[in-house]
Amino acid sequence: MASAGYSKATRFTVAEIAARLSAFVEHSDHAFWPDCLSIRDTQLFQHVAILSSKHLTDLYLLALAVENEGCLVTFDQHIPLNAVPKATPGHLVVI
């Protein structure tokens, strides 16, 4: 949102974005999920199902959601659900 590539009409400084995030966290049921998984963990990731490095971040976030009993909400319709063995369709919401 601070990047010029995000929007030509609306720009926010990093400080404004941080303030908005803080307000959201304080006034919602937000829960922090620590970044504690390893892409090397074969219990969490089915490496043969990861066909492209461009999906690594999405698959990591999906596995993080699975481990925290949450869901990943995304616009990306091409995330290979089978790359995260414990993931079910309920863990991935495509909007």
C-alpha atoms as a PDB file:
ATOM      1  CA  MET A   1       0.000   0.000   0.000  1.00  0.00           C
ATOM      2  CA  ALA A   2       3.030   2.254   0.378  1.00  0.00           C
ATOM      3  CA  SER A   3       4.287   1.146  -3.044  1.00  0.00           C
ATOM      4  CA  ALA A   4       3.545   3.235  -6.112  1.00  0.00           C
ATOM      5  CA  GLY A   5       2.570   0.027  -7.889  1.00  0.00           C
ATOM      6  CA  TYR A   6      -0.239  -0.702  -5.438  1.00  0.00           C
ATOM      7  CA  SER A   7      -2.517   2.192  -6.319  1.00  0.00           C
ATOM      8  CA  LYS A   8      -2.202   5.407  -8.253  1.00  0.00           C
ATOM      9  CA  ALA A   9      -5.183   6.962  -6.461  1.00  0.00           C
ATOM     10  CA  THR A  10      -4.459   6.062  -2.840  1.00  0.00           C
ATOM     11  CA  ARG A  11      -1.047   6.150  -1.160  1.00  0.00           C
ATOM     12  CA  PHE A  12      -0.201   5.526   2.466  1.00  0.00           C
ATOM     13  CA  THR A  13       3.077   5.952   4.287  1.00  0.00           C
ATOM     14  CA  VAL A  14       4.552   2.989   6.122  1.00  0.00           C
ATOM     15  CA  ALA A  15       3.709   4.777   9.395  1.00  0.00           C
ATOM     16  CA  GLU A  16       0.048   5.120   8.345  1.00  0.00           C
ATOM     17  CA  ILE A  17      -0.135   1.440   7.400  1.00  0.00           C
ATOM     18  CA  ALA A  18       1.443   0.411  10.710  1.00  0.00           C
ATOM     19  CA  ALA A  19      -1.054   2.579  12.603  1.00  0.00           C
ATOM     20  CA  ARG A  20      -3.992   1.024  10.721  1.00  0.00           C
ATOM     21  CA  LEU A  21      -2.676  -2.476  11.408  1.00  0.00           C
ATOM     22  CA  SER A  22      -2.285  -1.673  15.113  1.00  0.00           C
ATOM     23  CA  ALA A  23      -5.853  -0.337  15.280  1.00  0.00           C
ATOM     24  CA  PHE A  24      -7.170  -3.462  13.546  1.00  0.00           C
ATOM     25  CA  VAL A  25      -5.299  -5.770  15.937  1.00  0.00           C
ATOM     26  CA  GLU A  26      -6.540  -3.890  18.997  1.00  0.00           C
ATOM     27  CA  HIS A  27     -10.196  -3.901  17.918  1.00  0.00           C
ATOM     28  CA  SER A  28     -10.641  -7.394  16.486  1.00  0.00           C
ATOM     29  CA  ASP A  29     -10.195 -11.023  17.395  1.00  0.00           C
ATOM     30  CA  HIS A  30      -6.842 -11.033  15.607  1.00  0.00           C
ATOM     31  CA  ALA A  31      -4.394 -13.756  16.645  1.00  0.00           C
ATOM     32  CA  PHE A  32      -0.693 -13.666  15.830  1.00  0.00           C
ATOM     33  CA  TRP A  33       0.675 -16.828  14.237  1.00  0.00           C
ATOM     34  CA  PRO A  34       4.426 -17.070  14.738  1.00  0.00           C
ATOM     35  CA  ASP A  35       6.540 -17.867  11.712  1.00  0.00           C
ATOM     36  CA  CYS A  36       7.676 -21.254  12.995  1.00  0.00           C
ATOM     37  CA  LEU A  37       7.338 -23.773  10.147  1.00  0.00           C
ATOM     38  CA  SER A  38      10.028 -25.151   7.870  1.00  0.00           C
ATOM     39  CA  ILE A  39       9.497 -25.735   4.176  1.00  0.00           C
ATOM     40  CA  ARG A  40      11.827 -28.728   4.649  1.00  0.00           C
ATOM     41  CA  ASP A  41       9.293 -30.480   6.906  1.00  0.00           C
ATOM     42  CA  THR A  42       7.900 -33.386   4.885  1.00  0.00           C
ATOM     43  CA  GLN A  43       5.018 -33.753   7.345  1.00  0.00           C
ATOM     44  CA  LEU A  44       3.827 -30.267   6.392  1.00  0.00           C
ATOM     45  CA  PHE A  45       4.752 -30.083   2.707  1.00  0.00           C
ATOM     46  CA  GLN A  46       4.430 -32.555  -0.154  1.00  0.00           C
ATOM     47  CA  HIS A  47       7.453 -31.394  -2.142  1.00  0.00           C
ATOM     48  CA  VAL A  48       6.595 -33.263  -5.348  1.00  0.00           C
ATOM     49  CA  ALA A  49       3.303 -31.312  -5.490  1.00  0.00           C
ATOM     50  CA  ILE A  50       5.094 -27.943  -5.380  1.00  0.00           C
ATOM     51  CA  LEU A  51       5.479 -27.290  -9.085  1.00  0.00           C
ATOM     52  CA  SER A  52       6.734 -23.724  -8.968  1.00  0.00           C
ATOM     53  CA  SER A  53       8.719 -21.528  -6.615  1.00  0.00           C
ATOM     54  CA  LYS A  54       6.112 -18.792  -7.117  1.00  0.00           C
ATOM     55  CA  HIS A  55       3.741 -20.771  -4.863  1.00  0.00           C
ATOM     56  CA  LEU A  56       6.141 -21.159  -1.925  1.00  0.00           C
ATOM     57  CA  THR A  57       4.879 -18.161   0.042  1.00  0.00           C
ATOM     58  CA  ASP A  58       1.228 -19.110  -0.486  1.00  0.00           C
ATOM     59  CA  LEU A  59       1.893 -22.733   0.475  1.00  0.00           C
ATOM     60  CA  TYR A  60       3.803 -21.641   3.568  1.00  0.00           C
ATOM     61  CA  LEU A  61       0.874 -19.426   4.594  1.00  0.00           C
ATOM     62  CA  LEU A  62      -1.557 -22.288   3.899  1.00  0.00           C
ATOM     63  CA  ALA A  63       0.468 -24.650   6.099  1.00  0.00           C
ATOM     64  CA  LEU A  64       0.605 -21.973   8.805  1.00  0.00           C
ATOM     65  CA  ALA A  65      -3.186 -21.659   8.627  1.00  0.00           C
ATOM     66  CA  VAL A  66      -3.600 -25.439   8.855  1.00  0.00           C
ATOM     67  CA  GLU A  67      -1.316 -25.685  11.885  1.00  0.00           C
ATOM     68  CA  ASN A  68      -3.239 -22.862  13.600  1.00  0.00           C
ATOM     69  CA  GLU A  69      -6.700 -24.199  12.679  1.00  0.00           C
ATOM     70  CA  GLY A  70      -7.389 -21.215  10.462  1.00  0.00           C
ATOM     71  CA  CYS A  71      -7.734 -20.547   6.763  1.00  0.00           C
ATOM     72  CA  LEU A  72      -5.850 -18.726   4.047  1.00  0.00           C
ATOM     73  CA  VAL A  73      -7.971 -16.232   2.135  1.00  0.00           C
ATOM     74  CA  THR A  74      -6.596 -15.396  -1.289  1.00  0.00           C
ATOM     75  CA  PHE A  75      -7.407 -14.280  -4.819  1.00  0.00           C
ATOM     76  CA  ASP A  76      -5.092 -16.974  -6.265  1.00  0.00           C
ATOM     77  CA  GLN A  77      -7.054 -19.854  -7.782  1.00  0.00           C
ATOM     78  CA  HIS A  78      -3.943 -21.895  -8.545  1.00  0.00           C
ATOM     79  CA  ILE A  79      -2.640 -22.843  -5.097  1.00  0.00           C
ATOM     80  CA  PRO A  80      -2.083 -26.622  -5.104  1.00  0.00           C
ATOM     81  CA  LEU A  81      -3.975 -27.771  -2.003  1.00  0.00           C
ATOM     82  CA  ASN A  82      -2.355 -31.211  -2.197  1.00  0.00           C
ATOM     83  CA  ALA A  83       1.071 -29.668  -1.547  1.00  0.00           C
ATOM     84  CA  VAL A  84       0.060 -29.301   2.125  1.00  0.00           C
ATOM     85  CA  PRO A  85      -1.018 -32.828   3.148  1.00  0.00           C
ATOM     86  CA  LYS A  86      -3.132 -31.799   6.162  1.00  0.00           C
ATOM     87  CA  ALA A  87      -4.966 -29.063   4.238  1.00  0.00           C
ATOM     88  CA  THR A  88      -8.641 -29.454   3.441  1.00  0.00           C
ATOM     89  CA  PRO A  89     -10.791 -27.230   1.203  1.00  0.00           C
ATOM     90  CA  GLY A  90     -11.900 -25.440   4.377  1.00  0.00           C
ATOM     91  CA  HIS A  91      -8.343 -24.202   4.951  1.00  0.00           C
ATOM     92  CA  LEU A  92      -8.253 -22.348   1.616  1.00  0.00           C
ATOM     93  CA  VAL A  93     -10.791 -19.684   0.690  1.00  0.00           C
ATOM     94  CA  VAL A  94     -10.484 -18.205  -2.797  1.00  0.00           C
ATOM     95  CA  ILE A  95     -12.381 -14.949  -3.276  1.00  0.00           C
END
